[in-house]
Amino acid sequence: MEADYSGKMILLLDILSKSTELCDKVLVFSRSLTTLDLVEFYLSKVQIKGKEGKHSKEGKDWYRYDSTLDFVLYTRTLQLLVR
Protein backbone atom coordinates (compact mmCIF):
# COMPACT_ATOMS: atom_id res chain seq x y z
CA MET A 1 0.00 0.00 0.00
CA GLU A 2 1.56 3.26 -1.08
CA ALA A 3 0.05 6.68 -0.79
CA ASP A 4 0.98 10.30 -0.87
CA TYR A 5 0.40 11.20 2.74
CA SER A 6 -0.92 14.59 3.79
CA GLY A 7 1.06 16.73 6.22
CA LYS A 8 -1.24 15.64 9.05
CA MET A 9 -0.71 11.96 8.27
CA ILE A 10 3.07 12.40 8.09
CA LEU A 11 2.99 14.13 11.49
CA LEU A 12 0.78 11.38 12.95
CA LEU A 13 3.10 8.63 11.67
CA ASP A 14 6.07 10.51 13.13
CA ILE A 15 4.30 10.74 16.50
CA LEU A 16 3.51 7.01 16.35
CA SER A 17 7.16 6.20 15.56
CA LYS A 18 8.48 8.29 18.42
CA SER A 19 5.91 6.92 20.87
CA THR A 20 6.89 3.38 19.88
CA GLU A 21 10.56 4.17 20.55
CA LEU A 22 9.63 5.58 23.98
CA CYS A 23 7.09 2.82 24.77
CA ASP A 24 4.40 5.49 25.14
CA LYS A 25 0.73 5.03 24.41
CA VAL A 26 -1.18 7.05 21.82
CA LEU A 27 -4.91 7.31 21.26
CA VAL A 28 -5.89 8.34 17.71
CA PHE A 29 -9.38 9.62 16.92
CA SER A 30 -10.66 9.75 13.35
CA ARG A 31 -14.07 9.71 11.69
CA SER A 32 -12.43 8.26 8.60
CA LEU A 33 -12.15 4.48 8.44
CA THR A 34 -9.72 4.91 5.53
CA THR A 35 -7.41 6.92 7.78
CA LEU A 36 -7.64 4.21 10.44
CA ASP A 37 -6.83 1.62 7.75
CA LEU A 38 -3.66 3.55 6.88
CA VAL A 39 -2.68 3.84 10.54
CA GLU A 40 -3.34 0.12 11.02
CA PHE A 41 -1.21 -0.72 7.97
CA TYR A 42 1.61 1.46 9.30
CA LEU A 43 1.44 -0.04 12.79
CA SER A 44 1.62 -3.57 11.39
CA LYS A 45 4.98 -2.65 9.82
CA VAL A 46 6.54 -1.03 12.91
CA GLN A 47 9.48 -3.01 14.26
CA ILE A 48 9.46 -3.61 18.00
CA LYS A 49 12.36 -1.88 19.75
CA GLY A 50 15.08 -4.31 20.75
CA LYS A 51 13.49 -7.25 18.90
CA GLU A 52 14.98 -7.48 15.43
CA GLY A 53 12.55 -8.84 12.85
CA LYS A 54 9.55 -8.60 15.21
CA HIS A 55 6.69 -6.30 14.29
CA SER A 56 3.87 -4.89 16.39
CA LYS A 57 0.67 -6.92 16.47
CA GLU A 58 -2.97 -5.94 16.73
CA GLY A 59 -4.48 -7.08 20.01
CA LYS A 60 -1.10 -7.04 21.72
CA ASP A 61 0.76 -3.86 20.86
CA TRP A 62 -2.13 -1.83 19.43
CA TYR A 63 -5.92 -1.97 19.21
CA ARG A 64 -8.39 -0.71 16.69
CA TYR A 65 -11.59 0.61 18.18
CA ASP A 66 -14.23 1.69 15.65
CA SER A 67 -17.88 1.30 14.72
CA THR A 68 -17.28 -1.91 12.73
CA LEU A 69 -16.52 -4.03 15.82
CA ASP A 70 -19.14 -6.52 16.99
CA PHE A 71 -20.48 -5.89 20.49
CA VAL A 72 -18.35 -8.50 22.31
CA LEU A 73 -15.10 -7.33 20.72
CA TYR A 74 -16.18 -3.70 21.16
CA THR A 75 -16.70 -4.26 24.92
CA ARG A 76 -13.45 -6.23 25.34
CA THR A 77 -11.45 -3.58 23.49
CA LEU A 78 -13.01 -0.80 25.55
CA GLN A 79 -12.01 -2.61 28.75
CA LEU A 80 -8.41 -2.81 27.50
CA LEU A 81 -8.38 0.90 26.67
CA VAL A 82 -9.47 2.02 30.12
CA ARG A 83 -6.81 0.04 31.98
PDB file of N, CA and C in Angstrom:
ATOM      1  N   MET A   1       0.859  -1.166   0.000  1.00  0.00           N
ATOM      2  CA  MET A   1       0.000   0.000   0.000  1.00  0.00           C
ATOM      3  C   MET A   1       0.906   1.230   0.000  1.00  0.00           C
ATOM      4  N   GLU A   2       0.802   2.027  -1.017  1.00  0.00           N
ATOM      5  CA  GLU A   2       1.564   3.265  -1.080  1.00  0.00           C
ATOM      6  C   GLU A   2       0.594   4.410  -1.270  1.00  0.00           C
ATOM      7  N   ALA A   3       0.911   5.510  -0.670  1.00  0.00           N
ATOM      8  CA  ALA A   3       0.047   6.675  -0.792  1.00  0.00           C
ATOM      9  C   ALA A   3       0.874   7.929  -0.598  1.00  0.00           C
ATOM     10  N   ASP A   4       0.391   8.999  -1.164  1.00  0.00           N
ATOM     11  CA  ASP A   4       0.976  10.299  -0.872  1.00  0.00           C
ATOM     12  C   ASP A   4       0.277  10.800   0.372  1.00  0.00           C
ATOM     13  N   TYR A   5       0.996  10.828   1.470  1.00  0.00           N
ATOM     14  CA  TYR A   5       0.396  11.205   2.738  1.00  0.00           C
ATOM     15  C   TYR A   5       0.298  12.721   2.863  1.00  0.00           C
ATOM     16  N   SER A   6      -0.766  13.168   3.499  1.00  0.00           N
ATOM     17  CA  SER A   6      -0.915  14.587   3.790  1.00  0.00           C
ATOM     18  C   SER A   6       0.044  14.960   4.913  1.00  0.00           C
ATOM     19  N   GLY A   7       0.198  16.264   5.129  1.00  0.00           N
ATOM     20  CA  GLY A   7       1.057  16.728   6.216  1.00  0.00           C
ATOM     21  C   GLY A   7       0.615  16.203   7.563  1.00  0.00           C
ATOM     22  N   LYS A   8      -0.711  16.140   7.773  1.00  0.00           N
ATOM     23  CA  LYS A   8      -1.238  15.636   9.053  1.00  0.00           C
ATOM     24  C   LYS A   8      -0.901  14.162   9.236  1.00  0.00           C
ATOM     25  N   MET A   9      -0.992  13.382   8.162  1.00  0.00           N
ATOM     26  CA  MET A   9      -0.706  11.955   8.265  1.00  0.00           C
ATOM     27  C   MET A   9       0.781  11.736   8.522  1.00  0.00           C
ATOM     28  N   ILE A  10       1.621  12.510   7.865  1.00  0.00           N
ATOM     29  CA  ILE A  10       3.069  12.401   8.095  1.00  0.00           C
ATOM     30  C   ILE A  10       3.392  12.721   9.548  1.00  0.00           C
ATOM     31  N   LEU A  11       2.777  13.768  10.082  1.00  0.00           N
ATOM     32  CA  LEU A  11       2.989  14.133  11.489  1.00  0.00           C
ATOM     33  C   LEU A  11       2.499  13.020  12.413  1.00  0.00           C
ATOM     34  N   LEU A  12       1.320  12.463  12.128  1.00  0.00           N
ATOM     35  CA  LEU A  12       0.784  11.376  12.952  1.00  0.00           C
ATOM     36  C   LEU A  12       1.717  10.168  12.928  1.00  0.00           C
ATOM     37  N   LEU A  13       2.200   9.785  11.757  1.00  0.00           N
ATOM     38  CA  LEU A  13       3.097   8.634  11.665  1.00  0.00           C
ATOM     39  C   LEU A  13       4.409   8.894  12.399  1.00  0.00           C
ATOM     40  N   ASP A  14       4.871  10.143  12.375  1.00  0.00           N
ATOM     41  CA  ASP A  14       6.074  10.505  13.130  1.00  0.00           C
ATOM     42  C   ASP A  14       5.818  10.382  14.635  1.00  0.00           C
ATOM     43  N   ILE A  15       4.667  10.853  15.082  1.00  0.00           N
ATOM     44  CA  ILE A  15       4.296  10.736  16.503  1.00  0.00           C
ATOM     45  C   ILE A  15       4.213   9.265  16.901  1.00  0.00           C
ATOM     46  N   LEU A  16       3.618   8.441  16.048  1.00  0.00           N
ATOM     47  CA  LEU A  16       3.510   7.009  16.345  1.00  0.00           C
ATOM     48  C   LEU A  16       4.890   6.357  16.425  1.00  0.00           C
ATOM     49  N   SER A  17       5.795   6.749  15.528  1.00  0.00           N
ATOM     50  CA  SER A  17       7.162   6.197  15.562  1.00  0.00           C
ATOM     51  C   SER A  17       7.875   6.567  16.852  1.00  0.00           C
ATOM     52  N   LYS A  18       7.803   7.832  17.209  1.00  0.00           N
ATOM     53  CA  LYS A  18       8.483   8.287  18.420  1.00  0.00           C
ATOM     54  C   LYS A  18       7.868   7.672  19.673  1.00  0.00           C
ATOM     55  N   SER A  19       6.552   7.529  19.699  1.00  0.00           N
ATOM     56  CA  SER A  19       5.905   6.921  20.867  1.00  0.00           C
ATOM     57  C   SER A  19       6.286   5.452  20.991  1.00  0.00           C
ATOM     58  N   THR A  20       6.462   4.780  19.857  1.00  0.00           N
ATOM     59  CA  THR A  20       6.892   3.383  19.880  1.00  0.00           C
ATOM     60  C   THR A  20       8.297   3.271  20.458  1.00  0.00           C
ATOM     61  N   GLU A  21       9.185   4.167  20.032  1.00  0.00           N
ATOM     62  CA  GLU A  21      10.556   4.171  20.554  1.00  0.00           C
ATOM     63  C   GLU A  21      10.578   4.391  22.057  1.00  0.00           C
ATOM     64  N   LEU A  22       9.673   5.238  22.557  1.00  0.00           N
ATOM     65  CA  LEU A  22       9.631   5.582  23.979  1.00  0.00           C
ATOM     66  C   LEU A  22       8.712   4.675  24.797  1.00  0.00           C
ATOM     67  N   CYS A  23       8.064   3.710  24.132  1.00  0.00           N
ATOM     68  CA  CYS A  23       7.093   2.816  24.772  1.00  0.00           C
ATOM     69  C   CYS A  23       5.922   3.605  25.377  1.00  0.00           C
ATOM     70  N   ASP A  24       5.558   4.702  24.728  1.00  0.00           N
ATOM     71  CA  ASP A  24       4.404   5.495  25.144  1.00  0.00           C
ATOM     72  C   ASP A  24       3.149   5.006  24.438  1.00  0.00           C
ATOM     73  N   LYS A  25       2.009   5.362  25.004  1.00  0.00           N
ATOM     74  CA  LYS A  25       0.728   5.026  24.407  1.00  0.00           C
ATOM     75  C   LYS A  25       0.168   6.241  23.686  1.00  0.00           C
ATOM     76  N   VAL A  26      -0.558   5.988  22.597  1.00  0.00           N
ATOM     77  CA  VAL A  26      -1.183   7.049  21.817  1.00  0.00           C
ATOM     78  C   VAL A  26      -2.609   6.621  21.508  1.00  0.00           C
ATOM     79  N   LEU A  27      -3.516   7.551  21.619  1.00  0.00           N
ATOM     80  CA  LEU A  27      -4.909   7.315  21.256  1.00  0.00           C
ATOM     81  C   LEU A  27      -5.225   8.209  20.071  1.00  0.00           C
ATOM     82  N   VAL A  28      -5.625   7.606  18.943  1.00  0.00           N
ATOM     83  CA  VAL A  28      -5.895   8.340  17.714  1.00  0.00           C
ATOM     84  C   VAL A  28      -7.394   8.322  17.455  1.00  0.00           C
ATOM     85  N   PHE A  29      -7.975   9.498  17.265  1.00  0.00           N
ATOM     86  CA  PHE A  29      -9.382   9.617  16.919  1.00  0.00           C
ATOM     87  C   PHE A  29      -9.495  10.020  15.458  1.00  0.00           C
ATOM     88  N   SER A  30     -10.387   9.360  14.729  1.00  0.00           N
ATOM     89  CA  SER A  30     -10.657   9.749  13.351  1.00  0.00           C
ATOM     90  C   SER A  30     -12.055   9.283  12.971  1.00  0.00           C
ATOM     91  N   ARG A  31     -12.766  10.117  12.217  1.00  0.00           N
ATOM     92  CA  ARG A  31     -14.071   9.705  11.693  1.00  0.00           C
ATOM     93  C   ARG A  31     -13.900   8.923  10.407  1.00  0.00           C
ATOM     94  N   SER A  32     -12.702   8.907   9.875  1.00  0.00           N
ATOM     95  CA  SER A  32     -12.426   8.260   8.595  1.00  0.00           C
ATOM     96  C   SER A  32     -11.889   6.845   8.798  1.00  0.00           C
ATOM     97  N   LEU A  33     -12.643   5.861   8.347  1.00  0.00           N
ATOM     98  CA  LEU A  33     -12.155   4.478   8.440  1.00  0.00           C
ATOM     99  C   LEU A  33     -10.949   4.268   7.531  1.00  0.00           C
ATOM    100  N   THR A  34     -10.875   5.003   6.427  1.00  0.00           N
ATOM    101  CA  THR A  34      -9.717   4.907   5.534  1.00  0.00           C
ATOM    102  C   THR A  34      -8.451   5.370   6.243  1.00  0.00           C
ATOM    103  N   THR A  35      -8.558   6.438   7.005  1.00  0.00           N
ATOM    104  CA  THR A  35      -7.413   6.919   7.784  1.00  0.00           C
ATOM    105  C   THR A  35      -6.993   5.862   8.791  1.00  0.00           C
ATOM    106  N   LEU A  36      -7.965   5.261   9.474  1.00  0.00           N
ATOM    107  CA  LEU A  36      -7.644   4.209  10.439  1.00  0.00           C
ATOM    108  C   LEU A  36      -7.016   3.005   9.753  1.00  0.00           C
ATOM    109  N   ASP A  37      -7.449   2.703   8.519  1.00  0.00           N
ATOM    110  CA  ASP A  37      -6.833   1.621   7.749  1.00  0.00           C
ATOM    111  C   ASP A  37      -5.356   1.917   7.486  1.00  0.00           C
ATOM    112  N   LEU A  38      -5.054   3.164   7.128  1.00  0.00           N
ATOM    113  CA  LEU A  38      -3.656   3.548   6.881  1.00  0.00           C
ATOM    114  C   LEU A  38      -2.825   3.454   8.157  1.00  0.00           C
ATOM    115  N   VAL A  39      -3.384   3.916   9.260  1.00  0.00           N
ATOM    116  CA  VAL A  39      -2.677   3.837  10.545  1.00  0.00           C
ATOM    117  C   VAL A  39      -2.444   2.378  10.908  1.00  0.00           C
ATOM    118  N   GLU A  40      -3.450   1.553  10.721  1.00  0.00           N
ATOM    119  CA  GLU A  40      -3.339   0.124  11.016  1.00  0.00           C
ATOM    120  C   GLU A  40      -2.259  -0.531  10.149  1.00  0.00           C
ATOM    121  N   PHE A  41      -2.234  -0.197   8.873  1.00  0.00           N
ATOM    122  CA  PHE A  41      -1.207  -0.721   7.968  1.00  0.00           C
ATOM    123  C   PHE A  41       0.177  -0.314   8.452  1.00  0.00           C
ATOM    124  N   TYR A  42       0.334   0.958   8.806  1.00  0.00           N
ATOM    125  CA  TYR A  42       1.613   1.463   9.295  1.00  0.00           C
ATOM    126  C   TYR A  42       2.033   0.728  10.565  1.00  0.00           C
ATOM    127  N   LEU A  43       1.110   0.602  11.515  1.00  0.00           N
ATOM    128  CA  LEU A  43       1.445  -0.044  12.792  1.00  0.00           C
ATOM    129  C   LEU A  43       1.858  -1.504  12.603  1.00  0.00           C
ATOM    130  N   SER A  44       1.272  -2.167  11.623  1.00  0.00           N
ATOM    131  CA  SER A  44       1.621  -3.575  11.389  1.00  0.00           C
ATOM    132  C   SER A  44       3.038  -3.723  10.851  1.00  0.00           C
ATOM    133  N   LYS A  45       3.623  -2.624  10.363  1.00  0.00           N
ATOM    134  CA  LYS A  45       4.983  -2.651   9.817  1.00  0.00           C
ATOM    135  C   LYS A  45       6.035  -2.128  10.793  1.00  0.00           C
ATOM    136  N   VAL A  46       5.607  -1.600  11.938  1.00  0.00           N
ATOM    137  CA  VAL A  46       6.541  -1.033  12.913  1.00  0.00           C
ATOM    138  C   VAL A  46       7.314  -2.150  13.599  1.00  0.00           C
ATOM    139  N   GLN A  47       8.635  -2.022  13.592  1.00  0.00           N
ATOM    140  CA  GLN A  47       9.477  -3.013  14.256  1.00  0.00           C
ATOM    141  C   GLN A  47       9.520  -2.718  15.745  1.00  0.00           C
ATOM    142  N   ILE A  48       9.423  -3.763  16.547  1.00  0.00           N
ATOM    143  CA  ILE A  48       9.458  -3.609  18.001  1.00  0.00           C
ATOM    144  C   ILE A  48      10.885  -3.325  18.441  1.00  0.00           C
ATOM    145  N   LYS A  49      11.040  -2.315  19.270  1.00  0.00           N
ATOM    146  CA  LYS A  49      12.356  -1.884  19.747  1.00  0.00           C
ATOM    147  C   LYS A  49      13.055  -3.025  20.490  1.00  0.00           C
ATOM    148  N   GLY A  50      14.278  -3.297  20.080  1.00  0.00           N
ATOM    149  CA  GLY A  50      15.077  -4.311  20.747  1.00  0.00           C
ATOM    150  C   GLY A  50      14.766  -5.738  20.310  1.00  0.00           C
ATOM    151  N   LYS A  51      13.848  -5.904  19.361  1.00  0.00           N
ATOM    152  CA  LYS A  51      13.489  -7.248  18.896  1.00  0.00           C
ATOM    153  C   LYS A  51      13.550  -7.266  17.368  1.00  0.00           C
ATOM    154  N   GLU A  52      14.747  -7.511  16.871  1.00  0.00           N
ATOM    155  CA  GLU A  52      14.977  -7.477  15.432  1.00  0.00           C
ATOM    156  C   GLU A  52      14.069  -8.471  14.699  1.00  0.00           C
ATOM    157  N   GLY A  53      13.430  -8.000  13.651  1.00  0.00           N
ATOM    158  CA  GLY A  53      12.554  -8.844  12.846  1.00  0.00           C
ATOM    159  C   GLY A  53      11.155  -9.015  13.409  1.00  0.00           C
ATOM    160  N   LYS A  54      10.886  -8.491  14.595  1.00  0.00           N
ATOM    161  CA  LYS A  54       9.554  -8.595  15.208  1.00  0.00           C
ATOM    162  C   LYS A  54       8.790  -7.301  14.957  1.00  0.00           C
ATOM    163  N   HIS A  55       7.531  -7.456  14.572  1.00  0.00           N
ATOM    164  CA  HIS A  55       6.685  -6.301  14.288  1.00  0.00           C
ATOM    165  C   HIS A  55       5.519  -6.255  15.267  1.00  0.00           C
ATOM    166  N   SER A  56       4.992  -5.046  15.454  1.00  0.00           N
ATOM    167  CA  SER A  56       3.875  -4.891  16.390  1.00  0.00           C
ATOM    168  C   SER A  56       2.653  -5.658  15.874  1.00  0.00           C
ATOM    169  N   LYS A  57       1.830  -6.096  16.818  1.00  0.00           N
ATOM    170  CA  LYS A  57       0.668  -6.917  16.474  1.00  0.00           C
ATOM    171  C   LYS A  57      -0.599  -6.323  17.061  1.00  0.00           C
ATOM    172  N   GLU A  58      -1.663  -6.389  16.246  1.00  0.00           N
ATOM    173  CA  GLU A  58      -2.973  -5.945  16.726  1.00  0.00           C
ATOM    174  C   GLU A  58      -3.423  -6.873  17.852  1.00  0.00           C
ATOM    175  N   GLY A  59      -4.009  -6.301  18.872  1.00  0.00           N
ATOM    176  CA  GLY A  59      -4.480  -7.078  20.005  1.00  0.00           C
ATOM    177  C   GLY A  59      -3.416  -7.300  21.067  1.00  0.00           C
ATOM    178  N   LYS A  60      -2.185  -6.935  20.745  1.00  0.00           N
ATOM    179  CA  LYS A  60      -1.104  -7.044  21.722  1.00  0.00           C
ATOM    180  C   LYS A  60      -0.417  -5.697  21.914  1.00  0.00           C
ATOM    181  N   ASP A  61       0.032  -5.125  20.805  1.00  0.00           N
ATOM    182  CA  ASP A  61       0.762  -3.861  20.856  1.00  0.00           C
ATOM    183  C   ASP A  61      -0.126  -2.657  20.511  1.00  0.00           C
ATOM    184  N   TRP A  62      -1.198  -2.897  19.796  1.00  0.00           N
ATOM    185  CA  TRP A  62      -2.127  -1.833  19.432  1.00  0.00           C
ATOM    186  C   TRP A  62      -3.520  -2.427  19.203  1.00  0.00           C
ATOM    187  N   TYR A  63      -4.515  -1.568  19.348  1.00  0.00           N
ATOM    188  CA  TYR A  63      -5.916  -1.973  19.214  1.00  0.00           C
ATOM    189  C   TYR A  63      -6.636  -1.009  18.286  1.00  0.00           C
ATOM    190  N   ARG A  64      -7.537  -1.551  17.522  1.00  0.00           N
ATOM    191  CA  ARG A  64      -8.391  -0.709  16.691  1.00  0.00           C
ATOM    192  C   ARG A  64      -9.785  -0.726  17.294  1.00  0.00           C
ATOM    193  N   TYR A  65     -10.301   0.442  17.523  1.00  0.00           N
ATOM    194  CA  TYR A  65     -11.595   0.605  18.180  1.00  0.00           C
ATOM    195  C   TYR A  65     -12.444   1.489  17.286  1.00  0.00           C
ATOM    196  N   ASP A  66     -13.371   0.892  16.526  1.00  0.00           N
ATOM    197  CA  ASP A  66     -14.227   1.689  15.653  1.00  0.00           C
ATOM    198  C   ASP A  66     -15.619   1.074  15.568  1.00  0.00           C
ATOM    199  N   SER A  67     -16.470   1.695  14.783  1.00  0.00           N
ATOM    200  CA  SER A  67     -17.881   1.300  14.723  1.00  0.00           C
ATOM    201  C   SER A  67     -18.118  -0.034  14.022  1.00  0.00           C
ATOM    202  N   THR A  68     -17.086  -0.636  13.435  1.00  0.00           N
ATOM    203  CA  THR A  68     -17.276  -1.906  12.735  1.00  0.00           C
ATOM    204  C   THR A  68     -17.121  -3.122  13.652  1.00  0.00           C
ATOM    205  N   LEU A  69     -16.708  -2.915  14.895  1.00  0.00           N
ATOM    206  CA  LEU A  69     -16.520  -4.034  15.824  1.00  0.00           C
ATOM    207  C   LEU A  69     -17.863  -4.606  16.265  1.00  0.00           C
ATOM    208  N   ASP A  70     -17.930  -5.941  16.410  1.00  0.00           N
ATOM    209  CA  ASP A  70     -19.144  -6.523  16.990  1.00  0.00           C
ATOM    210  C   ASP A  70     -19.164  -6.198  18.484  1.00  0.00           C
ATOM    211  N   PHE A  71     -20.300  -6.354  19.119  1.00  0.00           N
ATOM    212  CA  PHE A  71     -20.484  -5.891  20.491  1.00  0.00           C
ATOM    213  C   PHE A  71     -19.497  -6.519  21.473  1.00  0.00           C
ATOM    214  N   VAL A  72     -19.252  -7.817  21.372  1.00  0.00           N
ATOM    215  CA  VAL A  72     -18.351  -8.504  22.305  1.00  0.00           C
ATOM    216  C   VAL A  72     -16.932  -7.952  22.170  1.00  0.00           C
ATOM    217  N   LEU A  73     -16.448  -7.858  20.946  1.00  0.00           N
ATOM    218  CA  LEU A  73     -15.099  -7.334  20.723  1.00  0.00           C
ATOM    219  C   LEU A  73     -15.034  -5.858  21.104  1.00  0.00           C
ATOM    220  N   TYR A  74     -16.076  -5.117  20.808  1.00  0.00           N
ATOM    221  CA  TYR A  74     -16.179  -3.696  21.163  1.00  0.00           C
ATOM    222  C   TYR A  74     -16.018  -3.519  22.676  1.00  0.00           C
ATOM    223  N   THR A  75     -16.753  -4.332  23.453  1.00  0.00           N
ATOM    224  CA  THR A  75     -16.700  -4.263  24.915  1.00  0.00           C
ATOM    225  C   THR A  75     -15.325  -4.672  25.438  1.00  0.00           C
ATOM    226  N   ARG A  76     -14.764  -5.742  24.901  1.00  0.00           N
ATOM    227  CA  ARG A  76     -13.453  -6.225  25.338  1.00  0.00           C
ATOM    228  C   ARG A  76     -12.363  -5.187  25.026  1.00  0.00           C
ATOM    229  N   THR A  77     -12.432  -4.588  23.857  1.00  0.00           N
ATOM    230  CA  THR A  77     -11.449  -3.577  23.488  1.00  0.00           C
ATOM    231  C   THR A  77     -11.574  -2.353  24.370  1.00  0.00           C
ATOM    232  N   LEU A  78     -12.791  -1.946  24.676  1.00  0.00           N
ATOM    233  CA  LEU A  78     -13.011  -0.801  25.554  1.00  0.00           C
ATOM    234  C   LEU A  78     -12.411  -1.054  26.924  1.00  0.00           C
ATOM    235  N   GLN A  79     -12.575  -2.261  27.446  1.00  0.00           N
ATOM    236  CA  GLN A  79     -12.005  -2.605  28.751  1.00  0.00           C
ATOM    237  C   GLN A  79     -10.483  -2.506  28.722  1.00  0.00           C
ATOM    238  N   LEU A  80      -9.862  -2.902  27.625  1.00  0.00           N
ATOM    239  CA  LEU A  80      -8.406  -2.809  27.505  1.00  0.00           C
ATOM    240  C   LEU A  80      -7.947  -1.359  27.433  1.00  0.00           C
ATOM    241  N   LEU A  81      -8.747  -0.507  26.801  1.00  0.00           N
ATOM    242  CA  LEU A  81      -8.380   0.901  26.670  1.00  0.00           C
ATOM    243  C   LEU A  81      -8.423   1.650  27.991  1.00  0.00           C
ATOM    244  N   VAL A  82      -9.331   1.273  28.873  1.00  0.00           N
ATOM    245  CA  VAL A  82      -9.474   2.017  30.121  1.00  0.00           C
ATOM    246  C   VAL A  82      -8.556   1.538  31.232  1.00  0.00           C
ATOM    247  N   ARG A  83      -7.771   0.525  30.978  1.00  0.00           N
ATOM    248  CA  ARG A  83      -6.809   0.040  31.983  1.00  0.00           C
ATOM    249  C   ARG A  83      -5.711   1.017  32.220  1.00  0.00           C
TER     250      ARG A  83
END
